[in-house]
Amino acid sequence: VQLVESGGGLVQPGGSLRLSCAASGFAFRYYVMAWVR
C-alpha cells in the first residue's frame, strides 16, 4: 500500500486549496478512505 498526499501550501484566511492523495498497491475502489490532519 502506498499513499502520497499533495496539493498543500500557504493560503490566506478565506482562501481555497485542493489536496490530492494518490493511492496504489491495493484495490482503492473497494476501500473507505479518510482525510486526517
Full PDB file with SEQRES, HELIX, SHEET, SSBOND, CRYST1, ORIGX, SCALE, CONECT and MASTER records, all heavy atoms in Angstrom:
SEQRES   1 A   37  VAL GLN LEU VAL GLU SER GLY GLY GLY LEU VAL GLN PRO          
SEQRES   2 A   37  GLY GLY SER LEU ARG LEU SER CYS ALA ALA SER GLY PHE          
SEQRES   3 A   37  ALA PHE ARG TYR TYR VAL MET ALA TRP VAL ARG                  
HELIX    1 AA1 PHE A   28  TYR A   30  5                                   3    
SHEET    1 AA1 2 GLN A   2  SER A   6  0                                        
SHEET    2 AA1 2 SER A  20  SER A  24 -1                                        
CRYST1    1.000    1.000    1.000  90.00  90.00  90.00 P 1           1          
ORIGX1      1.000000  0.000000  0.000000        0.00000                         
ORIGX2      0.000000  1.000000  0.000000        0.00000                         
ORIGX3      0.000000  0.000000  1.000000        0.00000                         
SCALE1      1.000000  0.000000  0.000000        0.00000                         
SCALE2      0.000000  1.000000  0.000000        0.00000                         
SCALE3      0.000000  0.000000  1.000000        0.00000                         
ATOM      1  N   VAL A   1       0.843  -1.185   0.000  1.00  0.00           N  
ATOM      2  CA  VAL A   1       0.000   0.000   0.000  1.00  0.00           C  
ATOM      3  C   VAL A   1       0.880   1.236   0.000  1.00  0.00           C  
ATOM      4  O   VAL A   1       1.832   1.333   0.773  1.00  0.00           O  
ATOM      5  CB  VAL A   1      -0.929   0.019   1.216  1.00  0.00           C  
ATOM      6  CG1 VAL A   1      -1.715   1.329   1.285  1.00  0.00           C  
ATOM      7  CG2 VAL A   1      -1.883  -1.161   1.168  1.00  0.00           C  
ATOM      8  N   GLN A   2       0.531   2.184  -0.856  1.00  0.00           N  
ATOM      9  CA  GLN A   2       1.248   3.444  -0.903  1.00  0.00           C  
ATOM     10  C   GLN A   2       0.253   4.584  -1.065  1.00  0.00           C  
ATOM     11  O   GLN A   2      -0.628   4.540  -1.926  1.00  0.00           O  
ATOM     12  CB  GLN A   2       2.255   3.459  -2.048  1.00  0.00           C  
ATOM     13  CG  GLN A   2       3.167   4.668  -2.042  1.00  0.00           C  
ATOM     14  CD  GLN A   2       4.295   4.559  -3.043  1.00  0.00           C  
ATOM     15  OE1 GLN A   2       4.280   3.705  -3.936  1.00  0.00           O  
ATOM     16  NE2 GLN A   2       5.289   5.409  -2.909  1.00  0.00           N  
ATOM     17  N   LEU A   3       0.400   5.594  -0.234  1.00  0.00           N  
ATOM     18  CA  LEU A   3      -0.451   6.771  -0.264  1.00  0.00           C  
ATOM     19  C   LEU A   3       0.445   8.001  -0.274  1.00  0.00           C  
ATOM     20  O   LEU A   3       1.284   8.156   0.605  1.00  0.00           O  
ATOM     21  CB  LEU A   3      -1.371   6.806   0.953  1.00  0.00           C  
ATOM     22  CG  LEU A   3      -2.335   5.618   1.117  1.00  0.00           C  
ATOM     23  CD1 LEU A   3      -2.978   5.642   2.491  1.00  0.00           C  
ATOM     24  CD2 LEU A   3      -3.402   5.657   0.033  1.00  0.00           C  
ATOM     25  N   VAL A   4       0.257   8.854  -1.261  1.00  0.00           N  
ATOM     26  CA  VAL A   4       1.085  10.037  -1.402  1.00  0.00           C  
ATOM     27  C   VAL A   4       0.204  11.269  -1.518  1.00  0.00           C  
ATOM     28  O   VAL A   4      -0.524  11.431  -2.502  1.00  0.00           O  
ATOM     29  CB  VAL A   4       2.015   9.935  -2.622  1.00  0.00           C  
ATOM     30  CG1 VAL A   4       2.889  11.185  -2.712  1.00  0.00           C  
ATOM     31  CG2 VAL A   4       2.882   8.691  -2.528  1.00  0.00           C  
ATOM     32  N   GLU A   5       0.281  12.127  -0.520  1.00  0.00           N  
ATOM     33  CA  GLU A   5      -0.519  13.336  -0.492  1.00  0.00           C  
ATOM     34  C   GLU A   5       0.205  14.479  -1.201  1.00  0.00           C  
ATOM     35  O   GLU A   5       1.434  14.536  -1.209  1.00  0.00           O  
ATOM     36  CB  GLU A   5      -0.821  13.749   0.955  1.00  0.00           C  
ATOM     37  CG  GLU A   5      -1.545  12.691   1.778  1.00  0.00           C  
ATOM     38  CD  GLU A   5      -0.609  11.721   2.475  1.00  0.00           C  
ATOM     39  OE1 GLU A   5       0.611  11.723   2.177  1.00  0.00           O  
ATOM     40  OE2 GLU A   5      -1.091  10.954   3.328  1.00  0.00           O  
ATOM     41  N   SER A   6      -0.577  15.397  -1.752  1.00  0.00           N  
ATOM     42  CA  SER A   6      -0.014  16.564  -2.408  1.00  0.00           C  
ATOM     43  C   SER A   6      -1.047  17.679  -2.448  1.00  0.00           C  
ATOM     44  O   SER A   6      -2.216  17.466  -2.151  1.00  0.00           O  
ATOM     45  CB  SER A   6       0.451  16.220  -3.825  1.00  0.00           C  
ATOM     46  OG  SER A   6      -0.639  15.827  -4.638  1.00  0.00           O  
ATOM     47  N   GLY A   7      -0.601  18.866  -2.817  1.00  0.00           N  
ATOM     48  CA  GLY A   7      -1.511  19.983  -3.001  1.00  0.00           C  
ATOM     49  C   GLY A   7      -1.513  21.016  -1.898  1.00  0.00           C  
ATOM     50  O   GLY A   7      -2.196  22.039  -2.008  1.00  0.00           O  
ATOM     51  N   GLY A   8      -0.770  20.779  -0.843  1.00  0.00           N  
ATOM     52  CA  GLY A   8      -0.733  21.727   0.253  1.00  0.00           C  
ATOM     53  C   GLY A   8       0.039  22.980  -0.120  1.00  0.00           C  
ATOM     54  O   GLY A   8       0.655  23.073  -1.179  1.00  0.00           O  
ATOM     55  N   GLY A   9      -0.019  23.954   0.774  1.00  0.00           N  
ATOM     56  CA  GLY A   9       0.671  25.200   0.541  1.00  0.00           C  
ATOM     57  C   GLY A   9       0.224  26.276   1.504  1.00  0.00           C  
ATOM     58  O   GLY A   9      -0.493  26.004   2.470  1.00  0.00           O  
ATOM     59  N   LEU A  10       0.651  27.486   1.225  1.00  0.00           N  
ATOM     60  CA  LEU A  10       0.302  28.645   2.042  1.00  0.00           C  
ATOM     61  C   LEU A  10      -0.851  29.400   1.400  1.00  0.00           C  
ATOM     62  O   LEU A  10      -0.787  29.767   0.222  1.00  0.00           O  
ATOM     63  CB  LEU A  10       1.517  29.565   2.179  1.00  0.00           C  
ATOM     64  CG  LEU A  10       1.290  30.897   2.884  1.00  0.00           C  
ATOM     65  CD1 LEU A  10       0.901  30.674   4.336  1.00  0.00           C  
ATOM     66  CD2 LEU A  10       2.540  31.761   2.783  1.00  0.00           C  
ATOM     67  N   VAL A  11      -1.898  29.613   2.172  1.00  0.00           N  
ATOM     68  CA  VAL A  11      -3.056  30.362   1.687  1.00  0.00           C  
ATOM     69  C   VAL A  11      -3.510  31.339   2.756  1.00  0.00           C  
ATOM     70  O   VAL A  11      -3.262  31.146   3.945  1.00  0.00           O  
ATOM     71  CB  VAL A  11      -4.228  29.439   1.304  1.00  0.00           C  
ATOM     72  CG1 VAL A  11      -3.851  28.541   0.138  1.00  0.00           C  
ATOM     73  CG2 VAL A  11      -4.659  28.602   2.497  1.00  0.00           C  
ATOM     74  N   GLN A  12      -4.187  32.391   2.317  1.00  0.00           N  
ATOM     75  CA  GLN A  12      -4.737  33.370   3.244  1.00  0.00           C  
ATOM     76  C   GLN A  12      -6.063  32.889   3.811  1.00  0.00           C  
ATOM     77  O   GLN A  12      -6.754  32.075   3.184  1.00  0.00           O  
ATOM     78  CB  GLN A  12      -4.930  34.708   2.543  1.00  0.00           C  
ATOM     79  CG  GLN A  12      -3.647  35.378   2.097  1.00  0.00           C  
ATOM     80  CD  GLN A  12      -3.883  36.744   1.499  1.00  0.00           C  
ATOM     81  OE1 GLN A  12      -4.973  37.044   1.018  1.00  0.00           O  
ATOM     82  NE2 GLN A  12      -2.862  37.586   1.534  1.00  0.00           N  
ATOM     83  N   PRO A  13      -6.429  33.354   4.990  1.00  0.00           N  
ATOM     84  CA  PRO A  13      -7.750  33.015   5.519  1.00  0.00           C  
ATOM     85  C   PRO A  13      -8.832  33.355   4.508  1.00  0.00           C  
ATOM     86  O   PRO A  13      -8.808  34.411   3.885  1.00  0.00           O  
ATOM     87  CB  PRO A  13      -7.854  33.877   6.770  1.00  0.00           C  
ATOM     88  CG  PRO A  13      -6.436  34.066   7.200  1.00  0.00           C  
ATOM     89  CD  PRO A  13      -5.655  34.186   5.918  1.00  0.00           C  
ATOM     90  N   GLY A  14      -9.779  32.441   4.351  1.00  0.00           N  
ATOM     91  CA  GLY A  14     -10.832  32.613   3.369  1.00  0.00           C  
ATOM     92  C   GLY A  14     -10.497  32.034   2.013  1.00  0.00           C  
ATOM     93  O   GLY A  14     -11.372  31.956   1.141  1.00  0.00           O  
ATOM     94  N   GLY A  15      -9.270  31.626   1.826  1.00  0.00           N  
ATOM     95  CA  GLY A  15      -8.835  31.071   0.567  1.00  0.00           C  
ATOM     96  C   GLY A  15      -9.223  29.620   0.394  1.00  0.00           C  
ATOM     97  O   GLY A  15      -9.846  29.013   1.265  1.00  0.00           O  
ATOM     98  N   SER A  16      -8.838  29.064  -0.745  1.00  0.00           N  
ATOM     99  CA  SER A  16      -9.189  27.689  -1.087  1.00  0.00           C  
ATOM    100  C   SER A  16      -7.954  26.909  -1.507  1.00  0.00           C  
ATOM    101  O   SER A  16      -6.956  27.470  -1.957  1.00  0.00           O  
ATOM    102  CB  SER A  16     -10.210  27.659  -2.227  1.00  0.00           C  
ATOM    103  OG  SER A  16     -11.413  28.308  -1.866  1.00  0.00           O  
ATOM    104  N   LEU A  17      -8.062  25.606  -1.371  1.00  0.00           N  
ATOM    105  CA  LEU A  17      -6.970  24.714  -1.727  1.00  0.00           C  
ATOM    106  C   LEU A  17      -7.541  23.330  -1.968  1.00  0.00           C  
ATOM    107  O   LEU A  17      -8.485  22.930  -1.291  1.00  0.00           O  
ATOM    108  CB  LEU A  17      -5.943  24.676  -0.596  1.00  0.00           C  
ATOM    109  CG  LEU A  17      -4.491  24.299  -0.901  1.00  0.00           C  
ATOM    110  CD1 LEU A  17      -3.877  25.288  -1.881  1.00  0.00           C  
ATOM    111  CD2 LEU A  17      -3.694  24.266   0.393  1.00  0.00           C  
ATOM    112  N   ARG A  18      -6.988  22.599  -2.920  1.00  0.00           N  
ATOM    113  CA  ARG A  18      -7.407  21.225  -3.157  1.00  0.00           C  
ATOM    114  C   ARG A  18      -6.244  20.278  -2.919  1.00  0.00           C  
ATOM    115  O   ARG A  18      -5.183  20.409  -3.535  1.00  0.00           O  
ATOM    116  CB  ARG A  18      -7.941  21.036  -4.578  1.00  0.00           C  
ATOM    117  CG  ARG A  18      -8.560  19.646  -4.779  1.00  0.00           C  
ATOM    118  CD  ARG A  18      -9.130  19.432  -6.168  1.00  0.00           C  
ATOM    119  NE  ARG A  18      -8.101  19.174  -7.158  1.00  0.00           N  
ATOM    120  CZ  ARG A  18      -8.315  18.559  -8.315  1.00  0.00           C  
ATOM    121  NH1 ARG A  18      -9.537  18.154  -8.637  1.00  0.00           N  
ATOM    122  NH2 ARG A  18      -7.316  18.380  -9.160  1.00  0.00           N  
ATOM    123  N   LEU A  19      -6.469  19.320  -2.056  1.00  0.00           N  
ATOM    124  CA  LEU A  19      -5.484  18.300  -1.768  1.00  0.00           C  
ATOM    125  C   LEU A  19      -5.784  17.035  -2.555  1.00  0.00           C  
ATOM    126  O   LEU A  19      -6.940  16.719  -2.828  1.00  0.00           O  
ATOM    127  CB  LEU A  19      -5.469  17.967  -0.275  1.00  0.00           C  
ATOM    128  CG  LEU A  19      -5.323  19.146   0.695  1.00  0.00           C  
ATOM    129  CD1 LEU A  19      -5.245  18.624   2.120  1.00  0.00           C  
ATOM    130  CD2 LEU A  19      -4.103  19.985   0.350  1.00  0.00           C  
ATOM    131  N   SER A  20      -4.735  16.312  -2.897  1.00  0.00           N  
ATOM    132  CA  SER A  20      -4.880  15.047  -3.596  1.00  0.00           C  
ATOM    133  C   SER A  20      -4.126  13.954  -2.859  1.00  0.00           C  
ATOM    134  O   SER A  20      -3.138  14.219  -2.172  1.00  0.00           O  
ATOM    135  CB  SER A  20      -4.340  15.155  -5.026  1.00  0.00           C  
ATOM    136  OG  SER A  20      -5.062  16.097  -5.789  1.00  0.00           O  
ATOM    137  N   CYS A  21      -4.594  12.741  -3.013  1.00  0.00           N  
ATOM    138  CA  CYS A  21      -3.940  11.581  -2.439  1.00  0.00           C  
ATOM    139  C   CYS A  21      -3.892  10.500  -3.508  1.00  0.00           C  
ATOM    140  O   CYS A  21      -4.933   9.971  -3.909  1.00  0.00           O  
ATOM    141  CB  CYS A  21      -4.699  11.088  -1.208  1.00  0.00           C  
ATOM    142  SG  CYS A  21      -4.159   9.483  -0.580  1.00  0.00           S  
ATOM    143  N   ALA A  22      -2.704  10.197  -3.969  1.00  0.00           N  
ATOM    144  CA  ALA A  22      -2.516   9.159  -4.975  1.00  0.00           C  
ATOM    145  C   ALA A  22      -2.320   7.820  -4.280  1.00  0.00           C  
ATOM    146  O   ALA A  22      -1.408   7.667  -3.471  1.00  0.00           O  
ATOM    147  CB  ALA A  22      -1.314   9.488  -5.849  1.00  0.00           C  
ATOM    148  N   ALA A  23      -3.174   6.865  -4.600  1.00  0.00           N  
ATOM    149  CA  ALA A  23      -3.153   5.564  -3.949  1.00  0.00           C  
ATOM    150  C   ALA A  23      -2.702   4.474  -4.912  1.00  0.00           C  
ATOM    151  O   ALA A  23      -3.022   4.500  -6.099  1.00  0.00           O  
ATOM    152  CB  ALA A  23      -4.538   5.225  -3.401  1.00  0.00           C  
ATOM    153  N   SER A  24      -1.979   3.507  -4.371  1.00  0.00           N  
ATOM    154  CA  SER A  24      -1.552   2.369  -5.169  1.00  0.00           C  
ATOM    155  C   SER A  24      -1.298   1.176  -4.256  1.00  0.00           C  
ATOM    156  O   SER A  24      -1.175   1.323  -3.042  1.00  0.00           O  
ATOM    157  CB  SER A  24      -0.292   2.703  -5.981  1.00  0.00           C  
ATOM    158  OG  SER A  24       0.790   3.022  -5.122  1.00  0.00           O  
ATOM    159  N   GLY A  25      -1.226  -0.009  -4.846  1.00  0.00           N  
ATOM    160  CA  GLY A  25      -0.898  -1.202  -4.091  1.00  0.00           C  
ATOM    161  C   GLY A  25      -2.074  -1.888  -3.421  1.00  0.00           C  
ATOM    162  O   GLY A  25      -1.877  -2.849  -2.669  1.00  0.00           O  
ATOM    163  N   PHE A  26      -3.269  -1.423  -3.671  1.00  0.00           N  
ATOM    164  CA  PHE A  26      -4.462  -2.061  -3.127  1.00  0.00           C  
ATOM    165  C   PHE A  26      -5.667  -1.703  -3.982  1.00  0.00           C  
ATOM    166  O   PHE A  26      -5.585  -0.821  -4.841  1.00  0.00           O  
ATOM    167  CB  PHE A  26      -4.686  -1.670  -1.665  1.00  0.00           C  
ATOM    168  CG  PHE A  26      -5.019  -0.219  -1.453  1.00  0.00           C  
ATOM    169  CD1 PHE A  26      -6.322   0.181  -1.221  1.00  0.00           C  
ATOM    170  CD2 PHE A  26      -4.030   0.747  -1.477  1.00  0.00           C  
ATOM    171  CE1 PHE A  26      -6.639   1.511  -1.016  1.00  0.00           C  
ATOM    172  CE2 PHE A  26      -4.328   2.090  -1.276  1.00  0.00           C  
ATOM    173  CZ  PHE A  26      -5.628   2.467  -1.046  1.00  0.00           C  
ATOM    174  N   ALA A  27      -6.776  -2.394  -3.730  1.00  0.00           N  
ATOM    175  CA  ALA A  27      -7.991  -2.156  -4.507  1.00  0.00           C  
ATOM    176  C   ALA A  27      -8.686  -0.905  -3.994  1.00  0.00           C  
ATOM    177  O   ALA A  27      -9.642  -0.974  -3.210  1.00  0.00           O  
ATOM    178  CB  ALA A  27      -8.907  -3.365  -4.433  1.00  0.00           C  
ATOM    179  N   PHE A  28      -8.209   0.217  -4.441  1.00  0.00           N  
ATOM    180  CA  PHE A  28      -8.685   1.516  -3.970  1.00  0.00           C  
ATOM    181  C   PHE A  28     -10.200   1.635  -4.041  1.00  0.00           C  
ATOM    182  O   PHE A  28     -10.835   2.143  -3.118  1.00  0.00           O  
ATOM    183  CB  PHE A  28      -8.014   2.611  -4.795  1.00  0.00           C  
ATOM    184  CG  PHE A  28      -8.455   4.005  -4.456  1.00  0.00           C  
ATOM    185  CD1 PHE A  28      -7.968   4.653  -3.337  1.00  0.00           C  
ATOM    186  CD2 PHE A  28      -9.356   4.673  -5.276  1.00  0.00           C  
ATOM    187  CE1 PHE A  28      -8.363   5.944  -3.031  1.00  0.00           C  
ATOM    188  CE2 PHE A  28      -9.759   5.963  -4.984  1.00  0.00           C  
ATOM    189  CZ  PHE A  28      -9.264   6.587  -3.855  1.00  0.00           C  
ATOM    190  N   ARG A  29     -10.793   1.192  -5.109  1.00  0.00           N  
ATOM    191  CA  ARG A  29     -12.221   1.383  -5.332  1.00  0.00           C  
ATOM    192  C   ARG A  29     -13.098   0.658  -4.317  1.00  0.00           C  
ATOM    193  O   ARG A  29     -14.295   0.958  -4.208  1.00  0.00           O  
ATOM    194  CB  ARG A  29     -12.608   0.960  -6.745  1.00  0.00           C  
ATOM    195  CG  ARG A  29     -12.379  -0.513  -7.025  1.00  0.00           C  
ATOM    196  CD  ARG A  29     -12.850  -0.878  -8.419  1.00  0.00           C  
ATOM    197  NE  ARG A  29     -12.570  -2.254  -8.768  1.00  0.00           N  
ATOM    198  CZ  ARG A  29     -13.029  -2.866  -9.848  1.00  0.00           C  
ATOM    199  NH1 ARG A  29     -13.798  -2.203 -10.700  1.00  0.00           N  
ATOM    200  NH2 ARG A  29     -12.718  -4.129 -10.083  1.00  0.00           N  
ATOM    201  N   TYR A  30     -12.535  -0.284  -3.585  1.00  0.00           N  
ATOM    202  CA  TYR A  30     -13.294  -1.043  -2.594  1.00  0.00           C  
ATOM    203  C   TYR A  30     -13.072  -0.542  -1.164  1.00  0.00           C  
ATOM    204  O   TYR A  30     -13.626  -1.123  -0.226  1.00  0.00           O  
ATOM    205  CB  TYR A  30     -12.938  -2.525  -2.664  1.00  0.00           C  
ATOM    206  CG  TYR A  30     -13.342  -3.188  -3.962  1.00  0.00           C  
ATOM    207  CD1 TYR A  30     -12.454  -3.989  -4.664  1.00  0.00           C  
ATOM    208  CD2 TYR A  30     -14.626  -3.009  -4.478  1.00  0.00           C  
ATOM    209  CE1 TYR A  30     -12.821  -4.598  -5.853  1.00  0.00           C  
ATOM    210  CE2 TYR A  30     -15.009  -3.611  -5.662  1.00  0.00           C  
ATOM    211  CZ  TYR A  30     -14.100  -4.411  -6.346  1.00  0.00           C  
ATOM    212  OH  TYR A  30     -14.470  -5.013  -7.525  1.00  0.00           O  
ATOM    213  N   TYR A  31     -12.296   0.507  -1.000  1.00  0.00           N  
ATOM    214  CA  TYR A  31     -11.956   0.979   0.332  1.00  0.00           C  
ATOM    215  C   TYR A  31     -12.613   2.300   0.691  1.00  0.00           C  
ATOM    216  O   TYR A  31     -12.648   3.240  -0.103  1.00  0.00           O  
ATOM    217  CB  TYR A  31     -10.444   1.140   0.472  1.00  0.00           C  
ATOM    218  CG  TYR A  31      -9.735  -0.129   0.860  1.00  0.00           C  
ATOM    219  CD1 TYR A  31      -9.482  -1.124  -0.074  1.00  0.00           C  
ATOM    220  CD2 TYR A  31      -9.313  -0.321   2.179  1.00  0.00           C  
ATOM    221  CE1 TYR A  31      -8.835  -2.292   0.284  1.00  0.00           C  
ATOM    222  CE2 TYR A  31      -8.659  -1.485   2.538  1.00  0.00           C  
ATOM    223  CZ  TYR A  31      -8.421  -2.464   1.585  1.00  0.00           C  
ATOM    224  OH  TYR A  31      -7.768  -3.613   1.941  1.00  0.00           O  
ATOM    225  N   VAL A  32     -13.125   2.370   1.903  1.00  0.00           N  
ATOM    226  CA  VAL A  32     -13.467   3.650   2.503  1.00  0.00           C  
ATOM    227  C   VAL A  32     -12.164   4.394   2.759  1.00  0.00           C  
ATOM    228  O   VAL A  32     -11.181   3.798   3.194  1.00  0.00           O  
ATOM    229  CB  VAL A  32     -14.241   3.458   3.819  1.00  0.00           C  
ATOM    230  CG1 VAL A  32     -14.465   4.799   4.522  1.00  0.00           C  
ATOM    231  CG2 VAL A  32     -15.569   2.763   3.552  1.00  0.00           C  
ATOM    232  N   MET A  33     -12.162   5.677   2.469  1.00  0.00           N  
ATOM    233  CA  MET A  33     -10.969   6.483   2.660  1.00  0.00           C  
ATOM    234  C   MET A  33     -11.267   7.668   3.564  1.00  0.00           C  
ATOM    235  O   MET A  33     -12.412   8.105   3.690  1.00  0.00           O  
ATOM    236  CB  MET A  33     -10.436   6.980   1.313  1.00  0.00           C  
ATOM    237  CG  MET A  33      -9.999   5.878   0.364  1.00  0.00           C  
ATOM    238  SD  MET A  33      -8.552   4.944   0.962  1.00  0.00           S  
ATOM    239  CE  MET A  33      -7.292   6.218   0.958  1.00  0.00           C  
ATOM    240  N   ALA A  34     -10.226   8.182   4.176  1.00  0.00           N  
ATOM    241  CA  ALA A  34     -10.381   9.286   5.109  1.00  0.00           C  
ATOM    242  C   ALA A  34      -9.253  10.297   4.957  1.00  0.00           C  
ATOM    243  O   ALA A  34      -8.146   9.960   4.519  1.00  0.00           O  
ATOM    244  CB  ALA A  34     -10.418   8.772   6.545  1.00  0.00           C  
ATOM    245  N   TRP A  35      -9.544  11.522   5.322  1.00  0.00           N  
ATOM    246  CA  TRP A  35      -8.537  12.563   5.493  1.00  0.00           C  
ATOM    247  C   TRP A  35      -8.383  12.831   6.986  1.00  0.00           C  
ATOM    248  O   TRP A  35      -9.375  12.961   7.700  1.00  0.00           O  
ATOM    249  CB  TRP A  35      -8.932  13.849   4.781  1.00  0.00           C  
ATOM    250  CG  TRP A  35      -8.738  13.818   3.295  1.00  0.00           C  
ATOM    251  CD1 TRP A  35      -9.685  13.609   2.342  1.00  0.00           C  
ATOM    252  CD2 TRP A  35      -7.504  14.010   2.596  1.00  0.00           C  
ATOM    253  NE1 TRP A  35      -9.126  13.663   1.090  1.00  0.00           N  
ATOM    254  CE2 TRP A  35      -7.792  13.905   1.211  1.00  0.00           C  
ATOM    255  CE3 TRP A  35      -6.186  14.266   2.997  1.00  0.00           C  
ATOM    256  CZ2 TRP A  35      -6.803  14.043   0.233  1.00  0.00           C  
ATOM    257  CZ3 TRP A  35      -5.206  14.401   2.024  1.00  0.00           C  
ATOM    258  CH2 TRP A  35      -5.522  14.291   0.659  1.00  0.00           C  
ATOM    259  N   VAL A  36      -7.144  12.907   7.399  1.00  0.00           N  
ATOM    260  CA  VAL A  36      -6.804  13.148   8.793  1.00  0.00           C  
ATOM    261  C   VAL A  36      -5.752  14.245   8.825  1.00  0.00           C  
ATOM    262  O   VAL A  36      -4.926  14.327   7.918  1.00  0.00           O  
ATOM    263  CB  VAL A  36      -6.262  11.866   9.455  1.00  0.00           C  
ATOM    264  CG1 VAL A  36      -5.953  12.101  10.926  1.00  0.00           C  
ATOM    265  CG2 VAL A  36      -7.260  10.725   9.301  1.00  0.00           C  
ATOM    266  N   ARG A  37      -5.765  15.071   9.840  1.00  0.00           N  
ATOM    267  CA  ARG A  37      -4.786  16.145   9.911  1.00  0.00           C  
ATOM    268  C   ARG A  37      -4.154  16.221  11.297  1.00  0.00           C  
ATOM    269  O   ARG A  37      -4.702  15.736  12.281  1.00  0.00           O  
ATOM    270  CB  ARG A  37      -5.419  17.495   9.556  1.00  0.00           C  
ATOM    271  CG  ARG A  37      -6.460  17.992  10.552  1.00  0.00           C  
ATOM    272  CD  ARG A  37      -7.131  19.247  10.027  1.00  0.00           C  
ATOM    273  NE  ARG A  37      -8.127  19.769  10.948  1.00  0.00           N  
ATOM    274  CZ  ARG A  37      -8.924  20.799  10.693  1.00  0.00           C  
ATOM    275  NH1 ARG A  37      -8.849  21.424   9.525  1.00  0.00           N  
ATOM    276  NH2 ARG A  37      -9.800  21.207  11.601  1.00  0.00           N  
TER     277      ARG A  37                                                      
MASTER        0    0    0    1    2    0    0    6  276    1    0    3          
END                                                                             
